[in-house]
C-alpha cells in the first residue's frame, strides 16, 4: 500500500473507530475478546482497503467488513493454535481510543444484545446508529423491505430479553 493510501486509510479510520468498538461490544463479553476482535477487524479493514472503491460511504463499507469479520470469527470454535499475521502498522501513527460507558441501563442493554443472533446483533447496532433501512440492507446484502421486517423482529426480541432480566 502506498504512503498516500496509508494516510487516506488513517483519515477514514480514525473518526469511525467507535463503530468498531460498538461492534466489538455486541459480539464479545470481555475486554480481552473485545481487544482481539478490534485488532482483527482493523487488520481486515487494512488488508481490504486497497479494494475500497468509494462506491459506498466508508462507514457503510467499514460496517460490512467489521460485521463479517465479527460474525466469521465468533462462529468458528476458538482454537489454541491461532494463526498470526505480522503487519507493521507503527508508521500509521494510529492511537487506540478506549471506549467506555458505565451506565447501568446501557450495560443491561448490551447484555441483552449479546444474547441475540448474529444478524439481530448487527441490525440492532445499525438501528442504534440511525442507519437508514436502505443502507442496512446494503450492508447485510438484503433488500430494504427485508431489513425492515428483520429489524422489527429483532427489536421485539430485544424488548423481551430486556424485560425478562
Protein backbone atom coordinates (compact mmCIF):
# COMPACT_ATOMS: atom_id res chain seq x y z
CA UNK A 1 0.00 0.00 0.00
CA UNK A 2 1.38 3.43 -0.89
CA UNK A 3 2.02 6.18 1.65
CA UNK A 4 -0.92 8.12 0.21
CA UNK A 5 -3.25 5.15 0.70
CA UNK A 6 -1.95 4.71 4.25
CA UNK A 7 -2.74 8.34 5.08
CA UNK A 8 -6.19 8.05 3.50
CA UNK A 9 -6.90 4.87 5.46
CA UNK A 10 -5.96 6.55 8.74
CA UNK A 11 -8.05 9.64 7.89
CA UNK A 12 -11.10 7.45 7.22
CA UNK A 13 -10.43 5.04 10.09
CA UNK A 14 -9.85 7.44 12.98
CA UNK A 15 -13.28 9.13 13.06
CA UNK A 16 -15.02 5.76 12.66
CA UNK A 17 -13.22 3.84 15.44
CA UNK A 18 -16.23 3.98 17.75
CA UNK A 19 -18.18 1.98 15.17
CA UNK A 20 -15.72 -0.87 15.57
CA UNK A 21 -15.84 -0.64 19.35
CA UNK A 22 -19.63 -0.92 19.25
CA UNK A 23 -19.44 -3.98 17.02
CA UNK A 24 -16.85 -5.50 19.35
CA UNK A 25 -19.04 -4.71 22.31
CA UNK A 26 -22.04 -6.60 21.00
CA UNK A 27 -20.07 -9.63 19.77
CA UNK A 28 -17.83 -10.09 22.83
CA UNK A 29 -18.42 -10.28 26.54
CA UNK A 30 -15.00 -9.48 27.97
CA UNK A 31 -12.19 -6.98 27.47
CA UNK A 32 -9.67 -9.46 26.10
CA UNK A 33 -12.02 -10.70 23.36
CA UNK A 34 -13.07 -7.10 22.65
CA UNK A 35 -9.45 -6.07 22.11
CA UNK A 36 -8.72 -9.16 19.99
CA UNK A 37 -11.77 -8.56 17.80
CA UNK A 38 -10.93 -4.85 17.44
CA UNK A 39 -7.45 -5.80 16.27
CA UNK A 40 -8.74 -8.44 13.86
CA UNK A 41 -11.30 -6.04 12.35
CA UNK A 42 -8.62 -3.37 11.97
CA UNK A 43 -6.33 -5.86 10.20
CA UNK A 44 -9.14 -6.94 7.88
CA UNK A 45 -10.00 -3.32 7.09
CA UNK A 46 -6.33 -2.59 6.41
CA UNK A 47 -5.95 -5.60 4.14
CA UNK A 48 -9.21 -4.84 2.31
CA UNK A 49 -8.70 -1.09 1.94
CA UNK A 50 -6.96 -1.24 -1.46
CA UNK A 51 -10.20 -2.77 -2.78
CA UNK A 52 -12.37 0.04 -1.38
CA UNK A 53 -13.66 1.80 -4.48
CA UNK A 54 -15.68 4.53 -2.79
CA UNK A 55 -18.94 3.36 -4.37
CA UNK A 56 -20.49 3.34 -0.88
CA UNK A 57 -19.71 5.53 2.10
CA UNK A 58 -16.60 4.47 4.01
CA UNK A 59 -18.69 3.84 7.12
CA UNK A 60 -21.00 1.51 5.16
CA UNK A 61 -18.04 -0.42 3.77
CA UNK A 62 -16.44 -0.46 7.23
CA UNK A 63 -19.63 -1.84 8.80
CA UNK A 64 -19.77 -4.62 6.25
CA UNK A 65 -16.13 -5.68 6.74
CA UNK A 66 -16.36 -5.35 10.53
CA UNK A 67 -19.61 -7.29 10.84
CA UNK A 68 -18.43 -10.03 8.51
CA UNK A 69 -15.20 -10.31 10.49
CA UNK A 70 -17.02 -10.43 13.83
CA UNK A 71 -19.58 -12.97 12.67
CA UNK A 72 -16.97 -15.16 10.99
CA UNK A 73 -14.53 -15.01 13.87
CA UNK A 74 -17.04 -15.84 16.58
CA UNK A 75 -18.84 -18.57 14.67
CA UNK A 76 -15.62 -20.57 14.49
CA UNK A 77 -14.72 -22.56 17.57
CA UNK A 78 -11.86 -20.99 19.45
CA UNK A 79 -8.56 -22.60 18.54
CA UNK A 80 -5.50 -22.87 20.67
CA UNK A 81 -3.23 -22.74 17.62
CA UNK A 82 -4.30 -19.30 16.46
CA UNK A 83 -2.65 -18.01 13.32
CA UNK A 84 -0.96 -14.65 13.45
CA UNK A 85 -0.09 -12.17 10.76
CA UNK A 86 2.83 -9.78 11.04
CA UNK A 87 1.81 -6.31 9.92
CA UNK A 88 3.85 -3.22 10.63
CA UNK A 89 1.33 -0.51 11.42
CA UNK A 90 3.67 1.56 13.58
CA UNK A 91 4.21 4.02 10.75
CA UNK A 92 0.48 4.80 10.63
CA UNK A 93 0.55 6.73 13.92
CA UNK A 94 -2.86 5.44 14.94
CA UNK A 95 -3.99 5.61 18.53
CA UNK A 96 -6.32 3.16 20.16
CA UNK A 97 -9.20 5.08 21.71
CA UNK A 98 -10.72 3.49 24.79
CA UNK A 99 -14.47 3.20 24.58
CA UNK A 100 -16.09 3.43 27.99
CA UNK A 101 -19.68 3.52 29.14
CA UNK A 102 -20.60 2.71 32.71
CA UNK A 103 -24.30 3.41 32.77
CA UNK A 104 -26.40 0.61 34.24
CA UNK A 105 -29.09 0.73 31.55
CA UNK A 106 -26.52 0.56 28.79
CA UNK A 107 -24.86 -2.44 30.43
CA UNK A 108 -28.21 -4.20 30.67
CA UNK A 109 -28.96 -3.46 27.03
CA UNK A 110 -25.55 -4.74 25.87
CA UNK A 111 -26.02 -7.95 27.86
CA UNK A 112 -29.38 -8.47 26.18
CA UNK A 113 -27.95 -7.67 22.73
CA UNK A 114 -25.16 -10.18 23.32
CA UNK A 115 -27.77 -12.96 23.59
CA UNK A 116 -29.31 -12.15 20.18
CA UNK A 117 -28.42 -13.95 16.95
CA UNK A 118 -25.56 -12.60 14.86
CA UNK A 119 -27.87 -10.93 12.35
CA UNK A 120 -30.08 -9.44 15.08
CA UNK A 121 -26.98 -8.00 16.79
CA UNK A 122 -25.96 -6.31 13.56
CA UNK A 123 -29.46 -4.98 12.94
CA UNK A 124 -29.84 -3.53 16.44
CA UNK A 125 -26.41 -1.93 16.31
CA UNK A 126 -27.16 -0.23 13.00
CA UNK A 127 -30.57 0.85 14.31
CA UNK A 128 -28.86 2.48 17.28
CA UNK A 129 -26.58 4.27 14.82
CA UNK A 130 -29.65 5.65 12.98
CA UNK A 131 -28.72 3.91 9.75
CA UNK A 132 -31.49 4.09 7.15
CA UNK A 133 -33.05 0.77 6.15
CA UNK A 134 -31.66 1.10 2.65
CA UNK A 135 -28.09 1.29 3.99
CA UNK A 136 -28.76 -1.54 6.45
CA UNK A 137 -29.93 -3.66 3.54
CA UNK A 138 -26.80 -2.79 1.55
CA UNK A 139 -24.53 -3.67 4.46
CA UNK A 140 -26.23 -7.01 5.11
CA UNK A 141 -26.84 -7.82 1.44
CA UNK A 142 -30.64 -7.93 1.77
CA UNK A 143 -33.48 -5.81 0.43
CA UNK A 144 -34.69 -2.71 2.24
CA UNK A 145 -38.05 -4.38 2.89
CA UNK A 146 -36.38 -7.48 4.31
CA UNK A 147 -34.23 -5.23 6.53
CA UNK A 148 -37.41 -3.60 7.92
CA UNK A 149 -39.03 -6.96 8.69
CA UNK A 150 -35.89 -8.37 10.31
CA UNK A 151 -35.44 -5.15 12.30
CA UNK A 152 -38.96 -5.31 13.75
CA UNK A 153 -38.41 -8.92 14.78
CA UNK A 154 -35.01 -8.08 16.31
CA UNK A 155 -36.43 -5.11 18.26
CA UNK A 156 -39.29 -7.24 19.61
CA UNK A 157 -36.88 -10.00 20.58
CA UNK A 158 -34.61 -7.46 22.33
CA UNK A 159 -37.55 -5.94 24.24
CA UNK A 160 -38.50 -9.37 25.52
CA UNK A 161 -34.93 -10.11 26.61
CA UNK A 162 -34.51 -6.76 28.38
CA UNK A 163 -37.84 -7.03 30.18
CA UNK A 164 -37.22 -10.59 31.40
CA UNK A 165 -33.84 -9.85 33.00
